[in-house]
Amino acid sequence: MVLTLIGATTLGFACKDGGETSPLIDDLSSGQTMAAVTNRLGDSASQLTAEPTEELHGGQQSGGVRVDRLHLPAYRHLDHEGSLTLTFYNDRLVTTIFRPVDSAAYVSSLGEAYGNDFSRTREVKVEPSTTVWFTTNQKAGSFAGWEDRELMEQYDTYAEK
């Protein structure tokens, strides 16, 4: 299980608005709003479905975190079919998860794209603050993830208080 959490200015964190972002899948970057991501997805955005919103630590209005997850059932990455999950905290993109239909073929393409053998080294770092990983487990299946680790560290610091 991958736990992805992020704070925003309501928690005293840098929101990334106008600041440095970190690359996630394709042309998506951390810190983008749901509206910006939906715009970038173009026509495929009409296929997006949303999970119920979660409110952590009292929710965004009380200084906590609002968690939104959007799912795109048909997405292509590196010429492989699969589905995409986008996770936003306080309307800022922090994590993208791609679940390929053919994970064996996909992990090879992912490795070529990032210059890494994901069967041996499960993650790579991409500047300025992205972690890219590939994992397989019986419960969740196989998937690749992109996460802004700087924003994760900010949340972890908040959560420990």
N, C-alpha and C. Protein backbone atom coordinates (compact mmCIF):
# COMPACT_ATOMS: atom_id res chain seq x y z
N MET A 1 0.85 -1.18 0.00
CA MET A 1 0.00 0.00 0.00
C MET A 1 0.89 1.24 0.00
N VAL A 2 0.52 2.20 -0.79
CA VAL A 2 1.26 3.45 -0.85
C VAL A 2 0.39 4.52 -0.22
N LEU A 3 0.89 5.16 0.82
CA LEU A 3 0.18 6.23 1.48
C LEU A 3 0.72 7.54 0.96
N THR A 4 -0.15 8.35 0.40
CA THR A 4 0.30 9.62 -0.15
C THR A 4 -0.49 10.74 0.48
N LEU A 5 0.19 11.62 1.14
CA LEU A 5 -0.45 12.73 1.81
C LEU A 5 0.33 14.01 1.56
N ILE A 6 -0.36 15.12 1.53
CA ILE A 6 0.30 16.41 1.32
C ILE A 6 -0.46 17.50 2.03
N GLY A 7 0.22 18.49 2.47
CA GLY A 7 -0.41 19.65 3.06
C GLY A 7 -0.40 20.80 2.07
N ALA A 8 -1.02 21.88 2.46
CA ALA A 8 -1.02 23.06 1.60
C ALA A 8 -0.83 24.28 2.49
N THR A 9 -1.06 25.46 1.93
CA THR A 9 -0.79 26.67 2.70
C THR A 9 -1.59 26.72 3.98
N THR A 10 -2.74 26.09 4.03
CA THR A 10 -3.51 26.10 5.27
C THR A 10 -2.76 25.39 6.38
N LEU A 11 -1.77 24.56 6.02
CA LEU A 11 -0.95 23.87 7.01
C LEU A 11 0.41 24.52 7.15
N GLY A 12 0.63 25.62 6.46
CA GLY A 12 1.92 26.27 6.50
C GLY A 12 2.92 25.67 5.51
N PHE A 13 2.45 24.91 4.53
CA PHE A 13 3.32 24.28 3.55
C PHE A 13 3.37 25.12 2.28
N ALA A 14 4.44 24.96 1.54
CA ALA A 14 4.53 25.60 0.23
C ALA A 14 3.55 24.90 -0.70
N CYS A 15 2.73 25.66 -1.38
CA CYS A 15 1.71 25.08 -2.24
C CYS A 15 2.19 24.80 -3.65
N LYS A 16 3.30 25.29 -4.02
CA LYS A 16 3.84 25.13 -5.36
C LYS A 16 3.24 26.12 -6.35
N ASP A 17 2.29 26.95 -5.95
CA ASP A 17 1.73 27.93 -6.88
C ASP A 17 2.83 28.89 -7.29
N GLY A 18 3.14 28.88 -8.58
CA GLY A 18 4.17 29.77 -9.08
C GLY A 18 5.57 29.33 -8.68
N GLY A 19 5.69 28.29 -7.89
CA GLY A 19 7.00 27.83 -7.45
C GLY A 19 7.45 26.63 -8.27
N GLU A 20 8.51 25.99 -7.80
CA GLU A 20 9.05 24.85 -8.51
C GLU A 20 8.12 23.65 -8.36
N THR A 21 7.86 22.99 -9.48
CA THR A 21 7.06 21.76 -9.45
C THR A 21 8.00 20.61 -9.76
N SER A 22 7.50 19.41 -9.59
CA SER A 22 8.29 18.22 -9.88
C SER A 22 7.50 17.37 -10.87
N PRO A 23 8.16 16.75 -11.85
CA PRO A 23 7.44 16.00 -12.88
C PRO A 23 6.80 14.73 -12.34
N LEU A 24 5.60 14.46 -12.80
CA LEU A 24 4.93 13.21 -12.50
C LEU A 24 4.77 12.47 -13.84
N ILE A 25 3.69 11.81 -14.08
CA ILE A 25 3.53 11.06 -15.33
C ILE A 25 3.30 12.01 -16.50
N ASP A 26 3.89 11.69 -17.64
CA ASP A 26 3.75 12.48 -18.87
C ASP A 26 3.99 13.96 -18.59
N ASP A 27 3.04 14.82 -18.97
CA ASP A 27 3.27 16.26 -18.79
C ASP A 27 2.60 16.81 -17.53
N LEU A 28 2.24 15.94 -16.60
CA LEU A 28 1.65 16.38 -15.34
C LEU A 28 2.75 16.65 -14.32
N SER A 29 2.53 17.64 -13.48
CA SER A 29 3.51 18.02 -12.46
C SER A 29 2.83 18.17 -11.11
N SER A 30 3.60 17.96 -10.07
CA SER A 30 3.06 18.14 -8.72
C SER A 30 2.62 19.59 -8.54
N GLY A 31 1.61 19.76 -7.71
CA GLY A 31 1.12 21.09 -7.41
C GLY A 31 0.04 21.59 -8.35
N GLN A 32 -0.19 20.90 -9.48
CA GLN A 32 -1.24 21.34 -10.39
C GLN A 32 -2.61 21.13 -9.73
N THR A 33 -3.53 22.03 -10.02
CA THR A 33 -4.89 21.91 -9.50
C THR A 33 -5.67 20.88 -10.30
N MET A 34 -6.81 20.44 -9.75
CA MET A 34 -7.67 19.51 -10.48
C MET A 34 -8.13 20.12 -11.80
N ALA A 35 -8.44 21.40 -11.79
CA ALA A 35 -8.88 22.06 -13.03
C ALA A 35 -7.77 22.06 -14.08
N ALA A 36 -6.55 22.34 -13.68
CA ALA A 36 -5.42 22.34 -14.62
C ALA A 36 -5.17 20.95 -15.18
N VAL A 37 -5.24 19.94 -14.34
CA VAL A 37 -5.03 18.56 -14.79
C VAL A 37 -6.13 18.13 -15.74
N THR A 38 -7.37 18.44 -15.38
CA THR A 38 -8.50 18.10 -16.25
C THR A 38 -8.33 18.76 -17.61
N ASN A 39 -7.89 20.00 -17.63
CA ASN A 39 -7.65 20.71 -18.88
C ASN A 39 -6.56 20.01 -19.71
N ARG A 40 -5.48 19.60 -19.07
CA ARG A 40 -4.38 18.92 -19.77
C ARG A 40 -4.80 17.57 -20.33
N LEU A 41 -5.74 16.91 -19.68
CA LEU A 41 -6.19 15.60 -20.15
C LEU A 41 -7.08 15.70 -21.38
N GLY A 42 -7.56 16.89 -21.67
CA GLY A 42 -8.34 17.12 -22.88
C GLY A 42 -9.62 16.29 -22.92
N ASP A 43 -9.89 15.68 -24.08
CA ASP A 43 -11.12 14.92 -24.29
C ASP A 43 -11.25 13.73 -23.34
N SER A 44 -10.15 13.13 -22.95
CA SER A 44 -10.23 11.96 -22.07
C SER A 44 -10.72 12.33 -20.67
N ALA A 45 -10.69 13.60 -20.32
CA ALA A 45 -11.15 14.04 -18.99
C ALA A 45 -12.63 13.71 -18.78
N SER A 46 -13.39 13.56 -19.86
CA SER A 46 -14.81 13.24 -19.72
C SER A 46 -15.01 11.83 -19.14
N GLN A 47 -13.97 11.00 -19.14
CA GLN A 47 -14.04 9.65 -18.60
C GLN A 47 -13.66 9.58 -17.11
N LEU A 48 -13.21 10.69 -16.54
CA LEU A 48 -12.78 10.70 -15.15
C LEU A 48 -13.92 10.38 -14.19
N THR A 49 -13.61 9.58 -13.19
CA THR A 49 -14.55 9.34 -12.10
C THR A 49 -13.85 9.73 -10.80
N ALA A 50 -14.62 10.11 -9.81
CA ALA A 50 -14.05 10.57 -8.54
C ALA A 50 -14.44 9.64 -7.41
N GLU A 51 -13.49 9.40 -6.51
CA GLU A 51 -13.79 8.71 -5.25
C GLU A 51 -14.38 9.75 -4.31
N PRO A 52 -15.11 9.30 -3.30
CA PRO A 52 -15.59 10.27 -2.30
C PRO A 52 -14.41 10.99 -1.65
N THR A 53 -14.58 12.26 -1.41
CA THR A 53 -13.54 13.07 -0.79
C THR A 53 -13.30 12.62 0.64
N GLU A 54 -12.03 12.59 1.04
CA GLU A 54 -11.65 12.29 2.42
C GLU A 54 -11.22 13.60 3.08
N GLU A 55 -11.50 13.72 4.35
CA GLU A 55 -11.05 14.87 5.13
C GLU A 55 -10.15 14.35 6.24
N LEU A 56 -8.89 14.76 6.25
CA LEU A 56 -7.94 14.35 7.28
C LEU A 56 -7.64 15.52 8.19
N HIS A 57 -7.52 15.26 9.46
CA HIS A 57 -7.20 16.29 10.45
C HIS A 57 -8.19 17.44 10.40
N GLY A 58 -9.48 17.12 10.21
CA GLY A 58 -10.52 18.14 10.22
C GLY A 58 -10.82 18.75 8.87
N GLY A 59 -10.11 18.36 7.83
CA GLY A 59 -10.37 18.88 6.49
C GLY A 59 -9.71 20.21 6.23
N GLN A 60 -9.72 20.61 4.99
CA GLN A 60 -9.02 21.82 4.56
C GLN A 60 -9.53 23.07 5.25
N GLN A 61 -10.84 23.17 5.48
CA GLN A 61 -11.41 24.39 6.07
C GLN A 61 -10.91 24.63 7.49
N SER A 62 -10.55 23.54 8.21
CA SER A 62 -10.08 23.72 9.59
C SER A 62 -8.57 23.51 9.71
N GLY A 63 -7.85 23.70 8.61
CA GLY A 63 -6.40 23.57 8.66
C GLY A 63 -5.90 22.17 8.41
N GLY A 64 -6.78 21.27 8.02
CA GLY A 64 -6.40 19.89 7.74
C GLY A 64 -6.18 19.67 6.26
N VAL A 65 -6.44 18.46 5.83
CA VAL A 65 -6.17 18.07 4.45
C VAL A 65 -7.42 17.48 3.81
N ARG A 66 -7.73 17.94 2.61
CA ARG A 66 -8.81 17.39 1.80
C ARG A 66 -8.15 16.51 0.75
N VAL A 67 -8.57 15.25 0.66
CA VAL A 67 -7.99 14.29 -0.27
C VAL A 67 -9.00 13.97 -1.36
N ASP A 68 -8.60 14.17 -2.61
CA ASP A 68 -9.44 13.83 -3.76
C ASP A 68 -8.68 12.88 -4.66
N ARG A 69 -9.36 11.84 -5.13
CA ARG A 69 -8.75 10.89 -6.08
C ARG A 69 -9.64 10.80 -7.31
N LEU A 70 -9.01 10.96 -8.45
CA LEU A 70 -9.71 10.83 -9.73
C LEU A 70 -9.16 9.62 -10.47
N HIS A 71 -10.03 8.88 -11.15
CA HIS A 71 -9.62 7.70 -11.90
C HIS A 71 -9.95 7.89 -13.38
N LEU A 72 -9.01 7.53 -14.21
CA LEU A 72 -9.19 7.53 -15.65
C LEU A 72 -9.02 6.09 -16.11
N PRO A 73 -10.12 5.42 -16.51
CA PRO A 73 -10.05 3.99 -16.79
C PRO A 73 -9.25 3.62 -18.04
N ALA A 74 -9.13 4.53 -18.97
CA ALA A 74 -8.40 4.24 -20.21
C ALA A 74 -7.32 5.31 -20.40
N TYR A 75 -6.07 4.93 -20.18
CA TYR A 75 -4.95 5.86 -20.31
C TYR A 75 -3.79 5.11 -20.94
N ARG A 76 -3.03 5.79 -21.79
CA ARG A 76 -1.86 5.19 -22.42
C ARG A 76 -0.60 5.90 -21.91
N HIS A 77 0.35 5.08 -21.47
CA HIS A 77 1.64 5.62 -21.05
C HIS A 77 2.73 4.76 -21.68
N LEU A 78 3.67 5.39 -22.36
CA LEU A 78 4.76 4.69 -23.03
C LEU A 78 4.23 3.62 -23.98
N ASP A 79 3.14 3.96 -24.65
CA ASP A 79 2.47 3.06 -25.61
C ASP A 79 1.87 1.81 -24.98
N HIS A 80 1.55 1.88 -23.71
CA HIS A 80 0.90 0.76 -23.02
C HIS A 80 -0.44 1.23 -22.47
N GLU A 81 -1.44 0.34 -22.59
CA GLU A 81 -2.77 0.65 -22.08
C GLU A 81 -2.84 0.35 -20.59
N GLY A 82 -3.67 1.13 -19.92
CA GLY A 82 -3.88 0.91 -18.50
C GLY A 82 -4.85 1.94 -17.95
N SER A 83 -4.84 2.10 -16.64
CA SER A 83 -5.68 3.10 -15.99
C SER A 83 -4.80 4.01 -15.16
N LEU A 84 -5.31 5.20 -14.89
CA LEU A 84 -4.56 6.22 -14.17
C LEU A 84 -5.36 6.70 -12.96
N THR A 85 -4.68 6.82 -11.83
CA THR A 85 -5.28 7.40 -10.63
C THR A 85 -4.47 8.63 -10.25
N LEU A 86 -5.16 9.71 -10.01
CA LEU A 86 -4.55 11.00 -9.65
C LEU A 86 -4.97 11.33 -8.22
N THR A 87 -4.01 11.64 -7.36
CA THR A 87 -4.33 11.98 -5.97
C THR A 87 -3.96 13.44 -5.71
N PHE A 88 -4.94 14.17 -5.19
CA PHE A 88 -4.78 15.60 -4.88
C PHE A 88 -4.97 15.80 -3.39
N TYR A 89 -4.16 16.66 -2.82
CA TYR A 89 -4.34 17.09 -1.44
C TYR A 89 -4.53 18.59 -1.47
N ASN A 90 -5.66 19.02 -0.90
CA ASN A 90 -6.03 20.44 -0.93
C ASN A 90 -5.89 21.01 -2.34
N ASP A 91 -6.43 20.26 -3.30
CA ASP A 91 -6.48 20.66 -4.71
C ASP A 91 -5.09 20.82 -5.33
N ARG A 92 -4.13 20.06 -4.88
CA ARG A 92 -2.79 20.05 -5.47
C ARG A 92 -2.40 18.62 -5.79
N LEU A 93 -2.03 18.36 -7.05
CA LEU A 93 -1.63 17.02 -7.47
C LEU A 93 -0.34 16.63 -6.78
N VAL A 94 -0.33 15.46 -6.15
CA VAL A 94 0.87 14.99 -5.46
C VAL A 94 1.33 13.63 -5.96
N THR A 95 0.40 12.77 -6.39
CA THR A 95 0.76 11.41 -6.80
C THR A 95 -0.05 10.99 -8.02
N THR A 96 0.62 10.26 -8.92
CA THR A 96 -0.07 9.62 -10.03
C THR A 96 0.29 8.13 -10.00
N ILE A 97 -0.70 7.28 -10.25
CA ILE A 97 -0.51 5.83 -10.27
C ILE A 97 -1.02 5.31 -11.61
N PHE A 98 -0.17 4.55 -12.31
CA PHE A 98 -0.56 3.94 -13.59
C PHE A 98 -0.58 2.43 -13.40
N ARG A 99 -1.71 1.82 -13.73
CA ARG A 99 -1.87 0.37 -13.66
C ARG A 99 -1.94 -0.18 -15.08
N PRO A 100 -0.82 -0.75 -15.56
CA PRO A 100 -0.79 -1.24 -16.94
C PRO A 100 -1.58 -2.54 -17.09
N VAL A 101 -2.12 -2.74 -18.29
CA VAL A 101 -2.81 -4.00 -18.60
C VAL A 101 -1.80 -5.14 -18.65
N ASP A 102 -0.67 -4.92 -19.31
CA ASP A 102 0.39 -5.92 -19.44
C ASP A 102 1.62 -5.43 -18.66
N SER A 103 1.69 -5.80 -17.37
CA SER A 103 2.74 -5.26 -16.52
C SER A 103 4.14 -5.72 -16.91
N ALA A 104 4.29 -6.93 -17.43
CA ALA A 104 5.62 -7.42 -17.82
C ALA A 104 6.21 -6.58 -18.95
N ALA A 105 5.41 -6.29 -19.95
CA ALA A 105 5.89 -5.47 -21.07
C ALA A 105 6.09 -4.03 -20.62
N TYR A 106 5.20 -3.54 -19.77
CA TYR A 106 5.28 -2.14 -19.33
C TYR A 106 6.52 -1.87 -18.50
N VAL A 107 6.86 -2.76 -17.57
CA VAL A 107 7.99 -2.50 -16.69
C VAL A 107 9.28 -2.38 -17.50
N SER A 108 9.37 -3.08 -18.60
CA SER A 108 10.53 -2.96 -19.48
C SER A 108 10.58 -1.57 -20.11
N SER A 109 9.44 -1.10 -20.61
CA SER A 109 9.38 0.24 -21.21
C SER A 109 9.66 1.33 -20.17
N LEU A 110 9.12 1.15 -18.97
CA LEU A 110 9.36 2.12 -17.90
C LEU A 110 10.85 2.17 -17.57
N GLY A 111 11.48 1.01 -17.51
CA GLY A 111 12.91 0.95 -17.24
C GLY A 111 13.73 1.66 -18.30
N GLU A 112 13.35 1.48 -19.56
CA GLU A 112 14.05 2.17 -20.65
C GLU A 112 13.87 3.68 -20.54
N ALA A 113 12.67 4.11 -20.21
CA ALA A 113 12.38 5.55 -20.11
C ALA A 113 13.18 6.22 -18.99
N TYR A 114 13.41 5.49 -17.91
CA TYR A 114 14.09 6.08 -16.75
C TYR A 114 15.51 5.55 -16.55
N GLY A 115 15.99 4.72 -17.47
CA GLY A 115 17.34 4.19 -17.35
C GLY A 115 17.53 3.35 -16.10
N ASN A 116 16.54 2.53 -15.78
CA ASN A 116 16.56 1.76 -14.54
C ASN A 116 15.96 0.37 -14.77
N ASP A 117 16.48 -0.63 -14.11
CA ASP A 117 15.90 -1.96 -14.12
C ASP A 117 14.99 -2.06 -12.90
N PHE A 118 13.70 -1.83 -13.11
CA PHE A 118 12.76 -1.79 -11.99
C PHE A 118 12.55 -3.16 -11.35
N SER A 119 13.02 -4.23 -12.00
CA SER A 119 12.93 -5.55 -11.36
C SER A 119 14.02 -5.70 -10.29
N ARG A 120 15.04 -4.86 -10.34
CA ARG A 120 16.14 -4.92 -9.36
C ARG A 120 16.10 -3.74 -8.40
N THR A 121 15.93 -2.55 -8.92
CA THR A 121 15.85 -1.34 -8.10
C THR A 121 14.43 -0.81 -8.27
N ARG A 122 13.66 -0.87 -7.22
CA ARG A 122 12.23 -0.59 -7.31
C ARG A 122 11.87 0.88 -7.51
N GLU A 123 12.82 1.79 -7.30
CA GLU A 123 12.48 3.20 -7.47
C GLU A 123 13.68 3.99 -7.96
N VAL A 124 13.38 5.15 -8.56
CA VAL A 124 14.40 6.09 -8.98
C VAL A 124 13.96 7.48 -8.55
N LYS A 125 14.92 8.37 -8.42
CA LYS A 125 14.65 9.76 -8.07
C LYS A 125 14.79 10.60 -9.33
N VAL A 126 13.88 11.52 -9.53
CA VAL A 126 13.89 12.45 -10.65
C VAL A 126 13.86 13.85 -10.07
N GLU A 127 14.77 14.69 -10.50
CA GLU A 127 14.85 16.05 -9.96
C GLU A 127 13.68 16.89 -10.41
N PRO A 128 13.18 17.81 -9.58
CA PRO A 128 13.80 18.14 -8.31
C PRO A 128 13.39 17.24 -7.14
N SER A 129 12.16 16.67 -7.15
CA SER A 129 11.77 15.93 -5.94
C SER A 129 10.79 14.79 -6.20
N THR A 130 10.91 14.13 -7.35
CA THR A 130 9.99 13.04 -7.68
C THR A 130 10.63 11.68 -7.39
N THR A 131 9.84 10.79 -6.84
CA THR A 131 10.21 9.38 -6.74
C THR A 131 9.31 8.63 -7.71
N VAL A 132 9.92 7.81 -8.56
CA VAL A 132 9.18 6.95 -9.50
C VAL A 132 9.42 5.52 -9.05
N TRP A 133 8.37 4.72 -8.95
CA TRP A 133 8.54 3.33 -8.53
C TRP A 133 7.64 2.41 -9.33
N PHE A 134 7.97 1.12 -9.28
CA PHE A 134 7.12 0.09 -9.86
C PHE A 134 7.04 -1.03 -8.84
N THR A 135 5.84 -1.52 -8.59
CA THR A 135 5.66 -2.57 -7.60
C THR A 135 4.58 -3.54 -8.04
N THR A 136 4.67 -4.73 -7.52
CA THR A 136 3.66 -5.77 -7.75
C THR A 136 3.38 -6.43 -6.42
N ASN A 137 2.09 -6.54 -6.09
CA ASN A 137 1.71 -7.34 -4.93
C ASN A 137 0.36 -7.99 -5.21
N GLN A 138 0.07 -9.05 -4.47
CA GLN A 138 -1.13 -9.83 -4.74
C GLN A 138 -2.41 -9.03 -4.56
N LYS A 139 -2.43 -8.16 -3.58
CA LYS A 139 -3.66 -7.43 -3.28
C LYS A 139 -3.92 -6.29 -4.27
N ALA A 140 -2.89 -5.49 -4.55
CA ALA A 140 -3.08 -4.29 -5.39
C ALA A 140 -2.70 -4.51 -6.85
N GLY A 141 -2.05 -5.62 -7.18
CA GLY A 141 -1.61 -5.84 -8.56
C GLY A 141 -0.32 -5.10 -8.84
N SER A 142 -0.07 -4.85 -10.12
CA SER A 142 1.15 -4.15 -10.54
C SER A 142 0.84 -2.72 -10.91
N PHE A 143 1.70 -1.80 -10.50
CA PHE A 143 1.49 -0.41 -10.86
C PHE A 143 2.78 0.39 -10.73
N ALA A 144 2.81 1.49 -11.46
CA ALA A 144 3.91 2.46 -11.37
C ALA A 144 3.36 3.70 -10.69
N GLY A 145 4.22 4.36 -9.93
CA GLY A 145 3.80 5.56 -9.23
C GLY A 145 4.82 6.67 -9.37
N TRP A 146 4.33 7.89 -9.33
CA TRP A 146 5.15 9.11 -9.34
C TRP A 146 4.65 9.95 -8.17
N GLU A 147 5.58 10.37 -7.32
CA GLU A 147 5.19 11.12 -6.13
C GLU A 147 6.22 12.20 -5.83
N ASP A 148 5.74 13.36 -5.42
CA ASP A 148 6.62 14.45 -5.04
C ASP A 148 7.04 14.22 -3.58
N ARG A 149 8.28 13.76 -3.37
CA ARG A 149 8.74 13.40 -2.03
C ARG A 149 8.93 14.62 -1.12
N GLU A 150 9.20 15.78 -1.69
CA GLU A 150 9.34 16.99 -0.87
C GLU A 150 8.01 17.33 -0.20
N LEU A 151 6.93 17.25 -0.96
CA LEU A 151 5.61 17.51 -0.39
C LEU A 151 5.23 16.44 0.62
N MET A 152 5.63 15.19 0.36
CA MET A 152 5.37 14.12 1.31
C MET A 152 6.08 14.38 2.64
N GLU A 153 7.32 14.82 2.57
CA GLU A 153 8.08 15.12 3.79
C GLU A 153 7.42 16.24 4.57
N GLN A 154 6.90 17.24 3.86
CA GLN A 154 6.20 18.33 4.54
C GLN A 154 4.98 17.79 5.27
N TYR A 155 4.23 16.90 4.64
CA TYR A 155 3.06 16.34 5.30
C TYR A 155 3.48 15.49 6.50
N ASP A 156 4.50 14.65 6.32
CA ASP A 156 4.95 13.80 7.42
C ASP A 156 5.32 14.63 8.65
N THR A 157 5.98 15.77 8.42
CA THR A 157 6.34 16.66 9.52
C THR A 157 5.08 17.17 10.21
N TYR A 158 4.07 17.55 9.42
CA TYR A 158 2.81 18.02 9.99
C TYR A 158 2.11 16.91 10.78
N ALA A 159 2.09 15.70 10.19
CA ALA A 159 1.36 14.59 10.81
C ALA A 159 1.96 14.16 12.15
N GLU A 160 3.26 14.40 12.32
CA GLU A 160 3.93 14.02 13.57
C GLU A 160 3.60 14.97 14.71
N LYS A 161 3.06 16.15 14.41
CA LYS A 161 2.75 17.14 15.47
C LYS A 161 1.55 16.72 16.28
